[in-house]
Amino acid sequence: MYETRNDLQESARKDLVHLLNDRLAEAIDLQLQAKHAHWNVKGPNFVGLHDLFDRVADAAREYVDLIAERGVALGGVAEGTLQTVSRRSKLPEYSAKTADWTAHVEGMRTALATFGGSARRAIDEANDLKDADTADLFTEVSRGIDKLLWMVEAHVQK
């Protein structure tokens, strides 16, 4: 940990940085999965899904920055290398072979729902560590992910 005059206890900051790095890995993974879907989707809903998956990737990129910068502001190191992301992300592996639009919608539904659940748990964990700012950050992330999940799921709900 780097020295900082942040008034959170160092032990709490260490736990928060670990929490932030776990969610950082998932946000980077989500961004990459969304770009994969964006590049590879095919079918009658191509244009709408192509644009929507790019929107998911753009939002994930913003969340990556928010999460990484919060960890560094707390005196930690943002761990965003491919190797770290691969090891830490809890998102299910995305199918690299599919082009069918329904498979991409299902893949994005799963990734968004998984990340959204992780963000909600992070809100509680940050609150337990007495860090309202990090909890607020994850509230913003959760709200945005839920909206994107709604938009993706609208393609298959009846």
Protein backbone atom coordinates (compact mmCIF):
# COMPACT_ATOMS: atom_id res chain seq x y z
CA MET A 1 0.00 0.00 0.00
CA TYR A 2 1.13 3.50 -0.78
CA GLU A 3 1.09 6.21 1.87
CA THR A 4 -2.01 8.36 1.76
CA ARG A 5 -3.73 10.78 4.08
CA ASN A 6 -7.06 9.13 3.37
CA ASP A 7 -8.63 8.69 6.81
CA LEU A 8 -9.86 5.12 6.28
CA GLN A 9 -7.91 2.62 8.34
CA GLU A 10 -5.11 0.93 6.41
CA SER A 11 -6.55 -2.53 7.08
CA ALA A 12 -9.89 -1.41 5.61
CA ARG A 13 -8.13 0.16 2.62
CA LYS A 14 -6.28 -3.12 1.96
CA ASP A 15 -9.56 -5.05 2.01
CA LEU A 16 -11.20 -2.43 -0.20
CA VAL A 17 -8.37 -2.55 -2.74
CA HIS A 18 -8.71 -6.34 -2.90
CA LEU A 19 -12.48 -5.97 -3.40
CA LEU A 20 -11.97 -3.32 -6.07
CA ASN A 21 -9.39 -5.44 -7.93
CA ASP A 22 -11.75 -8.43 -7.96
CA ARG A 23 -14.49 -6.29 -9.51
CA LEU A 24 -11.94 -4.63 -11.83
CA ALA A 25 -11.09 -8.04 -13.28
CA GLU A 26 -14.77 -8.72 -13.92
CA ALA A 27 -15.34 -5.29 -15.48
CA ILE A 28 -12.42 -5.81 -17.87
CA ASP A 29 -13.69 -9.31 -18.67
CA LEU A 30 -17.19 -7.90 -19.33
CA GLN A 31 -15.76 -5.26 -21.64
CA LEU A 32 -13.86 -7.88 -23.64
CA GLN A 33 -16.85 -10.23 -23.80
CA ALA A 34 -19.08 -7.42 -25.04
CA LYS A 35 -16.59 -6.47 -27.76
CA HIS A 36 -16.36 -10.12 -28.79
CA ALA A 37 -20.16 -10.24 -29.11
CA HIS A 38 -20.18 -6.89 -30.94
CA TRP A 39 -17.69 -8.15 -33.53
CA ASN A 40 -19.23 -11.57 -34.06
CA VAL A 41 -23.02 -11.29 -33.77
CA LYS A 42 -25.02 -12.34 -36.85
CA GLY A 43 -28.69 -12.65 -37.64
CA PRO A 44 -31.85 -10.62 -38.18
CA ASN A 45 -31.18 -8.44 -35.11
CA PHE A 46 -27.62 -7.68 -36.15
CA VAL A 47 -27.71 -3.88 -36.24
CA GLY A 48 -29.51 -3.42 -32.92
CA LEU A 49 -27.39 -5.99 -31.09
CA HIS A 50 -24.15 -4.84 -32.70
CA ASP A 51 -24.83 -1.34 -31.34
CA LEU A 52 -26.09 -2.58 -27.96
CA PHE A 53 -23.07 -4.78 -27.36
CA ASP A 54 -20.83 -1.81 -28.15
CA ARG A 55 -22.80 0.20 -25.61
CA VAL A 56 -22.17 -2.53 -23.01
CA ALA A 57 -18.45 -2.45 -23.82
CA ASP A 58 -18.34 1.36 -23.53
CA ALA A 59 -20.11 1.28 -20.14
CA ALA A 60 -17.79 -1.47 -18.90
CA ARG A 61 -14.79 0.61 -19.97
CA GLU A 62 -16.09 3.51 -17.88
CA TYR A 63 -16.60 1.19 -14.89
CA VAL A 64 -13.07 -0.16 -15.35
CA ASP A 65 -11.69 3.36 -14.94
CA LEU A 66 -13.89 4.19 -11.95
CA ILE A 67 -12.99 0.99 -10.13
CA ALA A 68 -9.27 1.11 -10.92
CA GLU A 69 -8.88 4.76 -9.96
CA ARG A 70 -10.72 4.25 -6.67
CA GLY A 71 -8.31 1.47 -5.71
CA VAL A 72 -5.32 3.64 -6.51
CA ALA A 73 -6.85 6.58 -4.62
CA LEU A 74 -7.02 4.31 -1.55
CA GLY A 75 -3.28 3.65 -1.80
CA GLY A 76 -3.44 0.41 -3.76
CA VAL A 77 -2.37 -0.81 -7.17
CA ALA A 78 -4.94 -1.39 -9.91
CA GLU A 79 -4.32 -4.93 -11.14
CA GLY A 80 -5.54 -4.91 -14.73
CA THR A 81 -3.19 -7.18 -16.66
CA LEU A 82 -4.63 -9.91 -18.83
CA GLN A 83 -3.10 -12.58 -16.60
CA THR A 84 -4.63 -11.06 -13.47
CA VAL A 85 -8.02 -10.64 -15.12
CA SER A 86 -7.97 -14.24 -16.29
CA ARG A 87 -7.15 -15.46 -12.80
CA ARG A 88 -9.53 -13.21 -10.84
CA SER A 89 -12.67 -12.84 -12.94
CA LYS A 90 -15.66 -14.87 -11.82
CA LEU A 91 -17.60 -14.29 -15.03
CA PRO A 92 -18.38 -17.49 -16.91
CA GLU A 93 -16.19 -18.10 -19.93
CA TYR A 94 -17.73 -16.67 -23.08
CA SER A 95 -18.17 -18.97 -26.07
CA ALA A 96 -15.63 -17.90 -28.68
CA LYS A 97 -17.15 -19.90 -31.53
CA THR A 98 -20.74 -18.71 -31.82
CA ALA A 99 -22.15 -16.17 -34.26
CA ASP A 100 -25.86 -16.80 -33.59
CA TRP A 101 -27.51 -13.73 -32.14
CA THR A 102 -29.48 -15.69 -29.53
CA ALA A 103 -26.29 -17.26 -28.16
CA HIS A 104 -24.70 -13.81 -27.87
CA VAL A 105 -27.76 -12.45 -26.09
CA GLU A 106 -27.61 -15.36 -23.64
CA GLY A 107 -23.88 -14.85 -23.15
CA MET A 108 -24.34 -11.15 -22.45
CA ARG A 109 -27.30 -11.84 -20.13
CA THR A 110 -25.15 -14.20 -18.10
CA ALA A 111 -22.14 -11.88 -17.98
CA LEU A 112 -24.22 -8.83 -17.04
CA ALA A 113 -26.23 -10.69 -14.39
CA THR A 114 -23.08 -12.16 -12.85
CA PHE A 115 -21.29 -8.82 -12.76
CA GLY A 116 -24.41 -7.07 -11.46
CA GLY A 117 -24.64 -9.54 -8.57
CA SER A 118 -20.96 -9.02 -7.77
CA ALA A 119 -21.45 -5.25 -7.78
CA ARG A 120 -24.37 -5.53 -5.35
CA ARG A 121 -22.35 -7.71 -2.99
CA ALA A 122 -19.51 -5.17 -3.24
CA ILE A 123 -21.89 -2.44 -2.04
CA ASP A 124 -22.51 -4.41 1.15
CA GLU A 125 -18.82 -5.25 1.60
CA ALA A 126 -17.78 -1.61 1.18
CA ASN A 127 -20.45 -0.53 3.67
CA ASP A 128 -19.17 -3.15 6.14
CA LEU A 129 -15.70 -1.57 5.75
CA LYS A 130 -17.19 1.89 6.47
CA ASP A 131 -16.44 3.25 2.99
CA ALA A 132 -19.55 4.98 1.71
CA ASP A 133 -17.66 6.31 -1.32
CA THR A 134 -16.74 2.86 -2.62
CA ALA A 135 -20.26 1.63 -1.83
CA ASP A 136 -21.63 4.57 -3.84
CA LEU A 137 -19.32 3.73 -6.74
CA PHE A 138 -20.66 0.17 -6.80
CA THR A 139 -24.23 1.46 -6.53
CA GLU A 140 -23.61 3.46 -9.72
CA VAL A 141 -22.13 0.39 -11.40
CA SER A 142 -24.99 -1.84 -10.28
CA ARG A 143 -27.63 0.58 -11.51
CA GLY A 144 -25.96 0.87 -14.91
CA ILE A 145 -25.46 -2.87 -15.30
CA ASP A 146 -29.10 -3.54 -14.40
CA LYS A 147 -30.20 -1.12 -17.13
CA LEU A 148 -27.96 -2.81 -19.69
CA LEU A 149 -29.24 -6.24 -18.62
CA TRP A 150 -32.80 -5.00 -19.14
CA MET A 151 -31.90 -3.82 -22.65
CA VAL A 152 -30.23 -7.10 -23.57
CA GLU A 153 -33.03 -9.22 -22.10
CA ALA A 154 -35.65 -7.23 -24.02
CA HIS A 155 -34.46 -9.07 -27.13
CA VAL A 156 -35.67 -12.44 -25.81
CA GLN A 157 -38.46 -11.66 -23.36
CA LYS A 158 -42.06 -12.12 -24.47
